[in-house]
Amino acid sequence: MGRLDDKVAIVTGAGGGIGGTMAKLFAEEGARVVVADAAEEAGRTTVDEIEAAGGDAAFVGVDVSDAAQVETMVRFAVDTYGGLHVLCNNAGSSPPTTAERWKLPRAPGTR
């Protein structure tokens, strides 16, 4: 028996990296996993890997910066699996690394 038996989990950014690994671990623990990612091919690969290992997973495409898409993602989980117990908010983007990208004001007297 797994620690997540009979639970439904959404993992955002689950098309690879840390998110993909978490999705697979949740499935190994018995969760039915909604693999959510903006990259459809990568997300579907994670689903295939979970299913090949005997787990239950479904893919949903989502841009987590869009509230309407996030609502659709949650509705998909509930409609597909009948509920939602775990939400792993893993998706994100790299922060800006320059003053221009941050749109920070320059200090007086600097270039």
PDB file of N, CA and C in Angstrom:
ATOM      1  N   MET A   1       0.829  -1.189   0.000  1.00  0.00           N
ATOM      2  CA  MET A   1       0.000   0.000   0.000  1.00  0.00           C
ATOM      3  C   MET A   1       0.873   1.253   0.000  1.00  0.00           C
ATOM      4  N   GLY A   2       0.534   2.204  -0.868  1.00  0.00           N
ATOM      5  CA  GLY A   2       1.304   3.433  -0.951  1.00  0.00           C
ATOM      6  C   GLY A   2       0.726   4.524  -0.071  1.00  0.00           C
ATOM      7  N   ARG A   3       1.538   5.501   0.213  1.00  0.00           N
ATOM      8  CA  ARG A   3       1.100   6.618   1.056  1.00  0.00           C
ATOM      9  C   ARG A   3       0.054   7.496   0.383  1.00  0.00           C
ATOM     10  N   LEU A   4      -0.080   7.393  -0.947  1.00  0.00           N
ATOM     11  CA  LEU A   4      -1.035   8.232  -1.672  1.00  0.00           C
ATOM     12  C   LEU A   4      -2.130   7.411  -2.361  1.00  0.00           C
ATOM     13  N   ASP A   5      -2.342   6.190  -1.899  1.00  0.00           N
ATOM     14  CA  ASP A   5      -3.417   5.376  -2.463  1.00  0.00           C
ATOM     15  C   ASP A   5      -4.736   6.128  -2.384  1.00  0.00           C
ATOM     16  N   ASP A   6      -5.520   6.033  -3.450  1.00  0.00           N
ATOM     17  CA  ASP A   6      -6.842   6.652  -3.528  1.00  0.00           C
ATOM     18  C   ASP A   6      -6.807   8.178  -3.497  1.00  0.00           C
ATOM     19  N   LYS A   7      -5.666   8.761  -3.769  1.00  0.00           N
ATOM     20  CA  LYS A   7      -5.537  10.218  -3.825  1.00  0.00           C
ATOM     21  C   LYS A   7      -5.341  10.656  -5.267  1.00  0.00           C
ATOM     22  N   VAL A   8      -5.739  11.882  -5.551  1.00  0.00           N
ATOM     23  CA  VAL A   8      -5.543  12.486  -6.864  1.00  0.00           C
ATOM     24  C   VAL A   8      -4.580  13.657  -6.680  1.00  0.00           C
ATOM     25  N   ALA A   9      -3.549  13.696  -7.518  1.00  0.00           N
ATOM     26  CA  ALA A   9      -2.545  14.757  -7.423  1.00  0.00           C
ATOM     27  C   ALA A   9      -2.382  15.453  -8.766  1.00  0.00           C
ATOM     28  N   ILE A  10      -2.238  16.765  -8.711  1.00  0.00           N
ATOM     29  CA  ILE A  10      -1.818  17.543  -9.874  1.00  0.00           C
ATOM     30  C   ILE A  10      -0.371  17.957  -9.611  1.00  0.00           C
ATOM     31  N   VAL A  11       0.480  17.761 -10.620  1.00  0.00           N
ATOM     32  CA  VAL A  11       1.849  18.262 -10.545  1.00  0.00           C
ATOM     33  C   VAL A  11       2.041  19.169 -11.755  1.00  0.00           C
ATOM     34  N   THR A  12       2.269  20.453 -11.500  1.00  0.00           N
ATOM     35  CA  THR A  12       2.532  21.377 -12.601  1.00  0.00           C
ATOM     36  C   THR A  12       4.010  21.311 -12.963  1.00  0.00           C
ATOM     37  N   GLY A  13       4.302  21.576 -14.213  1.00  0.00           N
ATOM     38  CA  GLY A  13       5.684  21.481 -14.677  1.00  0.00           C
ATOM     39  C   GLY A  13       6.174  20.050 -14.674  1.00  0.00           C
ATOM     40  N   ALA A  14       5.252  19.100 -14.898  1.00  0.00           N
ATOM     41  CA  ALA A  14       5.565  17.673 -14.767  1.00  0.00           C
ATOM     42  C   ALA A  14       6.091  17.053 -16.051  1.00  0.00           C
ATOM     43  N   GLY A  15       6.401  17.873 -17.044  1.00  0.00           N
ATOM     44  CA  GLY A  15       6.931  17.345 -18.288  1.00  0.00           C
ATOM     45  C   GLY A  15       8.379  16.910 -18.213  1.00  0.00           C
ATOM     46  N   GLY A  16       9.040  17.164 -17.121  1.00  0.00           N
ATOM     47  CA  GLY A  16      10.432  16.756 -16.976  1.00  0.00           C
ATOM     48  C   GLY A  16      11.037  17.339 -15.718  1.00  0.00           C
ATOM     49  N   GLY A  17      12.293  17.099 -15.523  1.00  0.00           N
ATOM     50  CA  GLY A  17      13.008  17.647 -14.372  1.00  0.00           C
ATOM     51  C   GLY A  17      12.387  17.242 -13.052  1.00  0.00           C
ATOM     52  N   ILE A  18      12.401  18.174 -12.121  1.00  0.00           N
ATOM     53  CA  ILE A  18      11.872  17.913 -10.785  1.00  0.00           C
ATOM     54  C   ILE A  18      10.385  17.564 -10.846  1.00  0.00           C
ATOM     55  N   GLY A  19       9.614  18.285 -11.653  1.00  0.00           N
ATOM     56  CA  GLY A  19       8.177  18.023 -11.757  1.00  0.00           C
ATOM     57  C   GLY A  19       7.893  16.624 -12.275  1.00  0.00           C
ATOM     58  N   GLY A  20       8.617  16.192 -13.298  1.00  0.00           N
ATOM     59  CA  GLY A  20       8.445  14.844 -13.828  1.00  0.00           C
ATOM     60  C   GLY A  20       8.788  13.793 -12.795  1.00  0.00           C
ATOM     61  N   THR A  21       9.862  14.023 -12.060  1.00  0.00           N
ATOM     62  CA  THR A  21      10.260  13.084 -11.011  1.00  0.00           C
ATOM     63  C   THR A  21       9.210  13.024  -9.908  1.00  0.00           C
ATOM     64  N   MET A  22       8.683  14.178  -9.503  1.00  0.00           N
ATOM     65  CA  MET A  22       7.636  14.182  -8.464  1.00  0.00           C
ATOM     66  C   MET A  22       6.395  13.451  -8.948  1.00  0.00           C
ATOM     67  N   ALA A  23       5.992  13.687 -10.193  1.00  0.00           N
ATOM     68  CA  ALA A  23       4.810  13.013 -10.726  1.00  0.00           C
ATOM     69  C   ALA A  23       4.995  11.495 -10.677  1.00  0.00           C
ATOM     70  N   LYS A  24       6.164  11.023 -11.062  1.00  0.00           N
ATOM     71  CA  LYS A  24       6.442   9.581 -11.048  1.00  0.00           C
ATOM     72  C   LYS A  24       6.457   9.039  -9.620  1.00  0.00           C
ATOM     73  N   LEU A  25       7.038   9.787  -8.691  1.00  0.00           N
ATOM     74  CA  LEU A  25       7.061   9.338  -7.291  1.00  0.00           C
ATOM     75  C   LEU A  25       5.661   9.308  -6.693  1.00  0.00           C
ATOM     76  N   PHE A  26       4.850  10.319  -7.000  1.00  0.00           N
ATOM     77  CA  PHE A  26       3.469  10.317  -6.510  1.00  0.00           C
ATOM     78  C   PHE A  26       2.734   9.093  -7.034  1.00  0.00           C
ATOM     79  N   ALA A  27       2.933   8.769  -8.317  1.00  0.00           N
ATOM     80  CA  ALA A  27       2.288   7.591  -8.905  1.00  0.00           C
ATOM     81  C   ALA A  27       2.779   6.312  -8.240  1.00  0.00           C
ATOM     82  N   GLU A  28       4.082   6.230  -7.977  1.00  0.00           N
ATOM     83  CA  GLU A  28       4.630   5.053  -7.287  1.00  0.00           C
ATOM     84  C   GLU A  28       4.000   4.877  -5.910  1.00  0.00           C
ATOM     85  N   GLU A  29       3.613   5.975  -5.291  1.00  0.00           N
ATOM     86  CA  GLU A  29       2.973   5.921  -3.971  1.00  0.00           C
ATOM     87  C   GLU A  29       1.463   5.715  -4.067  1.00  0.00           C
ATOM     88  N   GLY A  30       0.949   5.521  -5.294  1.00  0.00           N
ATOM     89  CA  GLY A  30      -0.449   5.168  -5.467  1.00  0.00           C
ATOM     90  C   GLY A  30      -1.374   6.263  -5.943  1.00  0.00           C
ATOM     91  N   ALA A  31      -0.870   7.475  -6.120  1.00  0.00           N
ATOM     92  CA  ALA A  31      -1.736   8.574  -6.569  1.00  0.00           C
ATOM     93  C   ALA A  31      -2.083   8.412  -8.043  1.00  0.00           C
ATOM     94  N   ARG A  32      -3.259   8.871  -8.394  1.00  0.00           N
ATOM     95  CA  ARG A  32      -3.629   9.085  -9.785  1.00  0.00           C
ATOM     96  C   ARG A  32      -3.155  10.503 -10.076  1.00  0.00           C
ATOM     97  N   VAL A  33      -2.313  10.659 -11.081  1.00  0.00           N
ATOM     98  CA  VAL A  33      -1.589  11.916 -11.284  1.00  0.00           C
ATOM     99  C   VAL A  33      -2.041  12.646 -12.543  1.00  0.00           C
ATOM    100  N   VAL A  34      -2.362  13.918 -12.369  1.00  0.00           N
ATOM    101  CA  VAL A  34      -2.585  14.803 -13.502  1.00  0.00           C
ATOM    102  C   VAL A  34      -1.250  15.478 -13.780  1.00  0.00           C
ATOM    103  N   VAL A  35      -0.687  15.139 -14.929  1.00  0.00           N
ATOM    104  CA  VAL A  35       0.577  15.706 -15.380  1.00  0.00           C
ATOM    105  C   VAL A  35       0.236  16.992 -16.123  1.00  0.00           C
ATOM    106  N   ALA A  36       0.555  18.120 -15.527  1.00  0.00           N
ATOM    107  CA  ALA A  36       0.215  19.424 -16.090  1.00  0.00           C
ATOM    108  C   ALA A  36       1.488  20.120 -16.560  1.00  0.00           C
ATOM    109  N   ASP A  37       1.470  20.553 -17.815  1.00  0.00           N
ATOM    110  CA  ASP A  37       2.648  21.217 -18.360  1.00  0.00           C
ATOM    111  C   ASP A  37       2.241  21.991 -19.601  1.00  0.00           C
ATOM    112  N   ALA A  38       2.979  23.029 -19.915  1.00  0.00           N
ATOM    113  CA  ALA A  38       2.739  23.792 -21.134  1.00  0.00           C
ATOM    114  C   ALA A  38       3.305  23.050 -22.346  1.00  0.00           C
ATOM    115  N   ALA A  39       4.266  22.169 -22.113  1.00  0.00           N
ATOM    116  CA  ALA A  39       4.907  21.403 -23.188  1.00  0.00           C
ATOM    117  C   ALA A  39       4.201  20.055 -23.332  1.00  0.00           C
ATOM    118  N   GLU A  40       3.338  19.953 -24.337  1.00  0.00           N
ATOM    119  CA  GLU A  40       2.501  18.767 -24.477  1.00  0.00           C
ATOM    120  C   GLU A  40       3.308  17.486 -24.684  1.00  0.00           C
ATOM    121  N   GLU A  41       4.280  17.501 -25.573  1.00  0.00           N
ATOM    122  CA  GLU A  41       5.039  16.280 -25.849  1.00  0.00           C
ATOM    123  C   GLU A  41       5.759  15.781 -24.597  1.00  0.00           C
ATOM    124  N   ALA A  42       6.381  16.683 -23.865  1.00  0.00           N
ATOM    125  CA  ALA A  42       7.088  16.295 -22.645  1.00  0.00           C
ATOM    126  C   ALA A  42       6.117  15.771 -21.596  1.00  0.00           C
ATOM    127  N   GLY A  43       4.968  16.431 -21.461  1.00  0.00           N
ATOM    128  CA  GLY A  43       3.971  15.976 -20.497  1.00  0.00           C
ATOM    129  C   GLY A  43       3.432  14.606 -20.832  1.00  0.00           C
ATOM    130  N   ARG A  44       3.166  14.378 -22.105  1.00  0.00           N
ATOM    131  CA  ARG A  44       2.652  13.069 -22.523  1.00  0.00           C
ATOM    132  C   ARG A  44       3.704  11.976 -22.339  1.00  0.00           C
ATOM    133  N   THR A  45       4.972  12.329 -22.475  1.00  0.00           N
ATOM    134  CA  THR A  45       6.041  11.360 -22.210  1.00  0.00           C
ATOM    135  C   THR A  45       6.032  10.951 -20.746  1.00  0.00           C
ATOM    136  N   THR A  46       5.842  11.917 -19.844  1.00  0.00           N
ATOM    137  CA  THR A  46       5.757  11.587 -18.414  1.00  0.00           C
ATOM    138  C   THR A  46       4.574  10.667 -18.148  1.00  0.00           C
ATOM    139  N   VAL A  47       3.426  10.945 -18.763  1.00  0.00           N
ATOM    140  CA  VAL A  47       2.255  10.077 -18.611  1.00  0.00           C
ATOM    141  C   VAL A  47       2.593   8.666 -19.082  1.00  0.00           C
ATOM    142  N   ASP A  48       3.215   8.553 -20.251  1.00  0.00           N
ATOM    143  CA  ASP A  48       3.583   7.239 -20.785  1.00  0.00           C
ATOM    144  C   ASP A  48       4.498   6.487 -19.824  1.00  0.00           C
ATOM    145  N   GLU A  49       5.450   7.196 -19.231  1.00  0.00           N
ATOM    146  CA  GLU A  49       6.389   6.555 -18.296  1.00  0.00           C
ATOM    147  C   GLU A  49       5.664   6.093 -17.034  1.00  0.00           C
ATOM    148  N   ILE A  50       4.743   6.884 -16.532  1.00  0.00           N
ATOM    149  CA  ILE A  50       3.968   6.497 -15.346  1.00  0.00           C
ATOM    150  C   ILE A  50       3.125   5.267 -15.660  1.00  0.00           C
ATOM    151  N   GLU A  51       2.449   5.296 -16.801  1.00  0.00           N
ATOM    152  CA  GLU A  51       1.593   4.167 -17.173  1.00  0.00           C
ATOM    153  C   GLU A  51       2.416   2.905 -17.429  1.00  0.00           C
ATOM    154  N   ALA A  52       3.599   3.041 -18.019  1.00  0.00           N
ATOM    155  CA  ALA A  52       4.465   1.887 -18.269  1.00  0.00           C
ATOM    156  C   ALA A  52       4.909   1.224 -16.965  1.00  0.00           C
ATOM    157  N   ALA A  53       4.987   2.032 -15.912  1.00  0.00           N
ATOM    158  CA  ALA A  53       5.379   1.511 -14.594  1.00  0.00           C
ATOM    159  C   ALA A  53       4.170   1.009 -13.795  1.00  0.00           C
ATOM    160  N   GLY A  54       2.975   1.040 -14.417  1.00  0.00           N
ATOM    161  CA  GLY A  54       1.782   0.539 -13.747  1.00  0.00           C
ATOM    162  C   GLY A  54       0.948   1.591 -13.049  1.00  0.00           C
ATOM    163  N   GLY A  55       1.303   2.860 -13.213  1.00  0.00           N
ATOM    164  CA  GLY A  55       0.563   3.938 -12.568  1.00  0.00           C
ATOM    165  C   GLY A  55      -0.564   4.460 -13.431  1.00  0.00           C
ATOM    166  N   ASP A  56      -1.313   5.396 -12.884  1.00  0.00           N
ATOM    167  CA  ASP A  56      -2.456   6.003 -13.567  1.00  0.00           C
ATOM    168  C   ASP A  56      -2.187   7.496 -13.683  1.00  0.00           C
ATOM    169  N   ALA A  57      -2.152   8.008 -14.922  1.00  0.00           N
ATOM    170  CA  ALA A  57      -1.858   9.423 -15.136  1.00  0.00           C
ATOM    171  C   ALA A  57      -2.604   9.930 -16.361  1.00  0.00           C
ATOM    172  N   ALA A  58      -2.838  11.231 -16.381  1.00  0.00           N
ATOM    173  CA  ALA A  58      -3.465  11.902 -17.512  1.00  0.00           C
ATOM    174  C   ALA A  58      -2.776  13.240 -17.701  1.00  0.00           C
ATOM    175  N   PHE A  59      -2.692  13.678 -18.946  1.00  0.00           N
ATOM    176  CA  PHE A  59      -2.044  14.944 -19.263  1.00  0.00           C
ATOM    177  C   PHE A  59      -3.063  16.055 -19.441  1.00  0.00           C
ATOM    178  N   VAL A  60      -2.715  17.247 -18.973  1.00  0.00           N
ATOM    179  CA  VAL A  60      -3.469  18.449 -19.288  1.00  0.00           C
ATOM    180  C   VAL A  60      -2.472  19.563 -19.592  1.00  0.00           C
ATOM    181  N   GLY A  61      -2.703  20.247 -20.708  1.00  0.00           N
ATOM    182  CA  GLY A  61      -1.862  21.376 -21.064  1.00  0.00           C
ATOM    183  C   GLY A  61      -2.289  22.599 -20.275  1.00  0.00           C
ATOM    184  N   VAL A  62      -1.312  23.329 -19.732  1.00  0.00           N
ATOM    185  CA  VAL A  62      -1.647  24.502 -18.931  1.00  0.00           C
ATOM    186  C   VAL A  62      -0.490  25.491 -18.909  1.00  0.00           C
ATOM    187  N   ASP A  63      -0.852  26.758 -19.005  1.00  0.00           N
ATOM    188  CA  ASP A  63       0.069  27.864 -18.752  1.00  0.00           C
ATOM    189  C   ASP A  63      -0.345  28.389 -17.380  1.00  0.00           C
ATOM    190  N   VAL A  64       0.456  28.125 -16.356  1.00  0.00           N
ATOM    191  CA  VAL A  64       0.050  28.463 -14.988  1.00  0.00           C
ATOM    192  C   VAL A  64      -0.008  29.957 -14.725  1.00  0.00           C
ATOM    193  N   SER A  65       0.437  30.765 -15.673  1.00  0.00           N
ATOM    194  CA  SER A  65       0.311  32.217 -15.506  1.00  0.00           C
ATOM    195  C   SER A  65      -1.062  32.711 -15.942  1.00  0.00           C
ATOM    196  N   ASP A  66      -1.889  31.809 -16.467  1.00  0.00           N
ATOM    197  CA  ASP A  66      -3.224  32.143 -16.957  1.00  0.00           C
ATOM    198  C   ASP A  66      -4.265  31.526 -16.016  1.00  0.00           C
ATOM    199  N   ALA A  67      -4.950  32.372 -15.257  1.00  0.00           N
ATOM    200  CA  ALA A  67      -5.904  31.887 -14.241  1.00  0.00           C
ATOM    201  C   ALA A  67      -6.995  31.001 -14.835  1.00  0.00           C
ATOM    202  N   ALA A  68      -7.479  31.333 -16.018  1.00  0.00           N
ATOM    203  CA  ALA A  68      -8.531  30.522 -16.640  1.00  0.00           C
ATOM    204  C   ALA A  68      -8.016  29.118 -16.959  1.00  0.00           C
ATOM    205  N   GLN A  69      -6.768  29.024 -17.412  1.00  0.00           N
ATOM    206  CA  GLN A  69      -6.194  27.709 -17.696  1.00  0.00           C
ATOM    207  C   GLN A  69      -5.986  26.907 -16.417  1.00  0.00           C
ATOM    208  N   VAL A  70      -5.635  27.574 -15.340  1.00  0.00           N
ATOM    209  CA  VAL A  70      -5.465  26.887 -14.052  1.00  0.00           C
ATOM    210  C   VAL A  70      -6.812  26.345 -13.585  1.00  0.00           C
ATOM    211  N   GLU A  71      -7.863  27.126 -13.730  1.00  0.00           N
ATOM    212  CA  GLU A  71      -9.204  26.639 -13.368  1.00  0.00           C
ATOM    213  C   GLU A  71      -9.577  25.425 -14.208  1.00  0.00           C
ATOM    214  N   THR A  72      -9.277  25.465 -15.494  1.00  0.00           N
ATOM    215  CA  THR A  72      -9.553  24.330 -16.374  1.00  0.00           C
ATOM    216  C   THR A  72      -8.758  23.105 -15.942  1.00  0.00           C
ATOM    217  N   MET A  73      -7.513  23.292 -15.529  1.00  0.00           N
ATOM    218  CA  MET A  73      -6.666  22.203 -15.062  1.00  0.00           C
ATOM    219  C   MET A  73      -7.293  21.513 -13.849  1.00  0.00           C
ATOM    220  N   VAL A  74      -7.747  22.307 -12.895  1.00  0.00           N
ATOM    221  CA  VAL A  74      -8.360  21.740 -11.681  1.00  0.00           C
ATOM    222  C   VAL A  74      -9.654  21.024 -12.043  1.00  0.00           C
ATOM    223  N   ARG A  75     -10.454  21.627 -12.895  1.00  0.00           N
ATOM    224  CA  ARG A  75     -11.712  21.004 -13.336  1.00  0.00           C
ATOM    225  C   ARG A  75     -11.418  19.677 -14.035  1.00  0.00           C
ATOM    226  N   PHE A  76     -10.352  19.633 -14.839  1.00  0.00           N
ATOM    227  CA  PHE A  76      -9.949  18.406 -15.525  1.00  0.00           C
ATOM    228  C   PHE A  76      -9.647  17.300 -14.509  1.00  0.00           C
ATOM    229  N   ALA A  77      -8.910  17.639 -13.471  1.00  0.00           N
ATOM    230  CA  ALA A  77      -8.577  16.641 -12.446  1.00  0.00           C
ATOM    231  C   ALA A  77      -9.832  16.097 -11.784  1.00  0.00           C
ATOM    232  N   VAL A  78     -10.730  16.974 -11.416  1.00  0.00           N
ATOM    233  CA  VAL A  78     -11.970  16.562 -10.742  1.00  0.00           C
ATOM    234  C   VAL A  78     -12.843  15.754 -11.698  1.00  0.00           C
ATOM    235  N   ASP A  79     -12.974  16.205 -12.936  1.00  0.00           N
ATOM    236  CA  ASP A  79     -13.794  15.484 -13.909  1.00  0.00           C
ATOM    237  C   ASP A  79     -13.199  14.126 -14.255  1.00  0.00           C
ATOM    238  N   THR A  80     -11.881  14.043 -14.348  1.00  0.00           N
ATOM    239  CA  THR A  80     -11.214  12.806 -14.750  1.00  0.00           C
ATOM    240  C   THR A  80     -11.150  11.794 -13.614  1.00  0.00           C
ATOM    241  N   TYR A  81     -10.836  12.267 -12.401  1.00  0.00           N
ATOM    242  CA  TYR A  81     -10.585  11.347 -11.291  1.00  0.00           C
ATOM    243  C   TYR A  81     -11.536  11.494 -10.116  1.00  0.00           C
ATOM    244  N   GLY A  82     -12.458  12.434 -10.185  1.00  0.00           N
ATOM    245  CA  GLY A  82     -13.474  12.545  -9.135  1.00  0.00           C
ATOM    246  C   GLY A  82     -13.094  13.337  -7.907  1.00  0.00           C
ATOM    247  N   GLY A  83     -11.961  14.023  -7.938  1.00  0.00           N
ATOM    248  CA  GLY A  83     -11.568  14.825  -6.785  1.00  0.00           C
ATOM    249  C   GLY A  83     -10.165  15.348  -6.948  1.00  0.00           C
ATOM    250  N   LEU A  84      -9.679  16.000  -5.911  1.00  0.00           N
ATOM    251  CA  LEU A  84      -8.314  16.511  -5.885  1.00  0.00           C
ATOM    252  C   LEU A  84      -7.857  16.570  -4.437  1.00  0.00           C
ATOM    253  N   HIS A  85      -6.716  15.951  -4.173  1.00  0.00           N
ATOM    254  CA  HIS A  85      -6.193  15.886  -2.807  1.00  0.00           C
ATOM    255  C   HIS A  85      -4.830  16.548  -2.647  1.00  0.00           C
ATOM    256  N   VAL A  86      -4.030  16.531  -3.722  1.00  0.00           N
ATOM    257  CA  VAL A  86      -2.664  17.046  -3.649  1.00  0.00           C
ATOM    258  C   VAL A  86      -2.436  17.970  -4.833  1.00  0.00           C
ATOM    259  N   LEU A  87      -1.882  19.149  -4.569  1.00  0.00           N
ATOM    260  CA  LEU A  87      -1.506  20.068  -5.633  1.00  0.00           C
ATOM    261  C   LEU A  87      -0.051  20.447  -5.426  1.00  0.00           C
ATOM    262  N   CYS A  88       0.781  20.071  -6.366  1.00  0.00           N
ATOM    263  CA  CYS A  88       2.204  20.386  -6.319  1.00  0.00           C
ATOM    264  C   CYS A  88       2.478  21.467  -7.348  1.00  0.00           C
ATOM    265  N   ASN A  89       2.646  22.686  -6.880  1.00  0.00           N
ATOM    266  CA  ASN A  89       2.876  23.839  -7.762  1.00  0.00           C
ATOM    267  C   ASN A  89       4.363  23.950  -8.071  1.00  0.00           C
ATOM    268  N   ASN A  90       4.793  23.202  -9.062  1.00  0.00           N
ATOM    269  CA  ASN A  90       6.199  23.146  -9.410  1.00  0.00           C
ATOM    270  C   ASN A  90       6.551  24.045 -10.596  1.00  0.00           C
ATOM    271  N   ALA A  91       5.609  24.329 -11.470  1.00  0.00           N
ATOM    272  CA  ALA A  91       5.907  25.097 -12.691  1.00  0.00           C
ATOM    273  C   ALA A  91       6.305  26.520 -12.348  1.00  0.00           C
ATOM    274  N   GLY A  92       7.169  27.038 -13.155  1.00  0.00           N
ATOM    275  CA  GLY A  92       7.598  28.420 -12.956  1.00  0.00           C
ATOM    276  C   GLY A  92       8.538  28.806 -14.066  1.00  0.00           C
ATOM    277  N   SER A  93       9.104  29.966 -13.932  1.00  0.00           N
ATOM    278  CA  SER A  93      10.072  30.423 -14.918  1.00  0.00           C
ATOM    279  C   SER A  93      11.241  31.056 -14.193  1.00  0.00           C
ATOM    280  N   SER A  94      12.324  31.166 -14.896  1.00  0.00           N
ATOM    281  CA  SER A  94      13.511  31.785 -14.320  1.00  0.00           C
ATOM    282  C   SER A  94      13.262  33.268 -14.128  1.00  0.00           C
ATOM    283  N   PRO A  95      13.728  33.816 -13.030  1.00  0.00           N
ATOM    284  CA  PRO A  95      13.526  35.254 -12.814  1.00  0.00           C
ATOM    285  C   PRO A  95      14.442  36.070 -13.714  1.00  0.00           C
ATOM    286  N   PRO A  96      14.046  37.299 -13.969  1.00  0.00           N
ATOM    287  CA  PRO A  96      14.924  38.180 -14.748  1.00  0.00           C
ATOM    288  C   PRO A  96      16.275  38.337 -14.037  1.00  0.00           C
ATOM    289  N   THR A  97      17.311  38.551 -14.838  1.00  0.00           N
ATOM    290  CA  THR A  97      18.644  38.653 -14.250  1.00  0.00           C
ATOM    291  C   THR A  97      19.307  40.004 -14.455  1.00  0.00           C
ATOM    292  N   THR A  98      18.647  40.918 -15.143  1.00  0.00           N
ATOM    293  CA  THR A  98      19.241  42.229 -15.366  1.00  0.00           C
ATOM    294  C   THR A  98      18.280  43.320 -14.907  1.00  0.00           C
ATOM    295  N   ALA A  99      18.829  44.475 -14.655  1.00  0.00           N
ATOM    296  CA  ALA A  99      18.003  45.608 -14.221  1.00  0.00           C
ATOM    297  C   ALA A  99      16.936  45.934 -15.261  1.00  0.00           C
ATOM    298  N   GLU A 100      17.289  45.814 -16.543  1.00  0.00           N
ATOM    299  CA  GLU A 100      16.323  46.127 -17.590  1.00  0.00           C
ATOM    300  C   GLU A 100      15.151  45.143 -17.564  1.00  0.00           C
ATOM    301  N   ARG A 101      15.436  43.879 -17.353  1.00  0.00           N
ATOM    302  CA  ARG A 101      14.364  42.887 -17.319  1.00  0.00           C
ATOM    303  C   ARG A 101      13.498  43.076 -16.091  1.00  0.00           C
ATOM    304  N   TRP A 102      14.112  43.531 -15.002  1.00  0.00           N
ATOM    305  CA  TRP A 102      13.328  43.802 -13.788  1.00  0.00           C
ATOM    306  C   TRP A 102      12.637  45.156 -13.877  1.00  0.00           C
ATOM    307  N   LYS A 103      13.100  45.976 -14.837  1.00  0.00           N
ATOM    308  CA  LYS A 103      12.591  47.338 -14.998  1.00  0.00           C
ATOM    309  C   LYS A 103      12.818  48.168 -13.726  1.00  0.00           C
ATOM    310  N   LEU A 104      13.988  47.967 -13.148  1.00  0.00           N
ATOM    311  CA  LEU A 104      14.347  48.708 -11.945  1.00  0.00           C
ATOM    312  C   LEU A 104      14.846  50.096 -12.319  1.00  0.00           C
ATOM    313  N   PRO A 105      14.513  51.086 -11.522  1.00  0.00           N
ATOM    314  CA  PRO A 105      15.041  52.429 -11.799  1.00  0.00           C
ATOM    315  C   PRO A 105      16.516  52.478 -11.457  1.00  0.00           C
ATOM    316  N   ARG A 106      17.242  53.276 -12.206  1.00  0.00           N
ATOM    317  CA  ARG A 106      18.678  53.453 -11.919  1.00  0.00           C
ATOM    318  C   ARG A 106      18.816  54.512 -10.824  1.00  0.00           C
ATOM    319  N   ALA A 107      19.843  54.333 -10.037  1.00  0.00           N
ATOM    320  CA  ALA A 107      20.134  55.304  -8.988  1.00  0.00           C
ATOM    321  C   ALA A 107      20.583  56.618  -9.635  1.00  0.00           C
ATOM    322  N   PRO A 108      20.220  57.740  -9.033  1.00  0.00           N
ATOM    323  CA  PRO A 108      20.657  59.039  -9.575  1.00  0.00           C
ATOM    324  C   PRO A 108      22.169  59.088  -9.713  1.00  0.00           C
ATOM    325  N   GLY A 109      22.637  59.646 -10.822  1.00  0.00           N
ATOM    326  CA  GLY A 109      24.074  59.802 -11.035  1.00  0.00           C
ATOM    327  C   GLY A 109      24.745  58.563 -11.611  1.00  0.00           C
ATOM    328  N   THR A 110      23.980  57.489 -11.897  1.00  0.00           N
ATOM    329  CA  THR A 110      24.581  56.289 -12.510  1.00  0.00           C
ATOM    330  C   THR A 110      24.154  56.209 -13.952  1.00  0.00           C
ATOM    331  N   ARG A 111      24.889  55.426 -14.718  1.00  0.00           N
ATOM    332  CA  ARG A 111      24.550  55.275 -16.136  1.00  0.00           C
ATOM    333  C   ARG A 111      23.604  54.158 -16.356  1.00  0.00           C
TER     334      ARG A 111
END
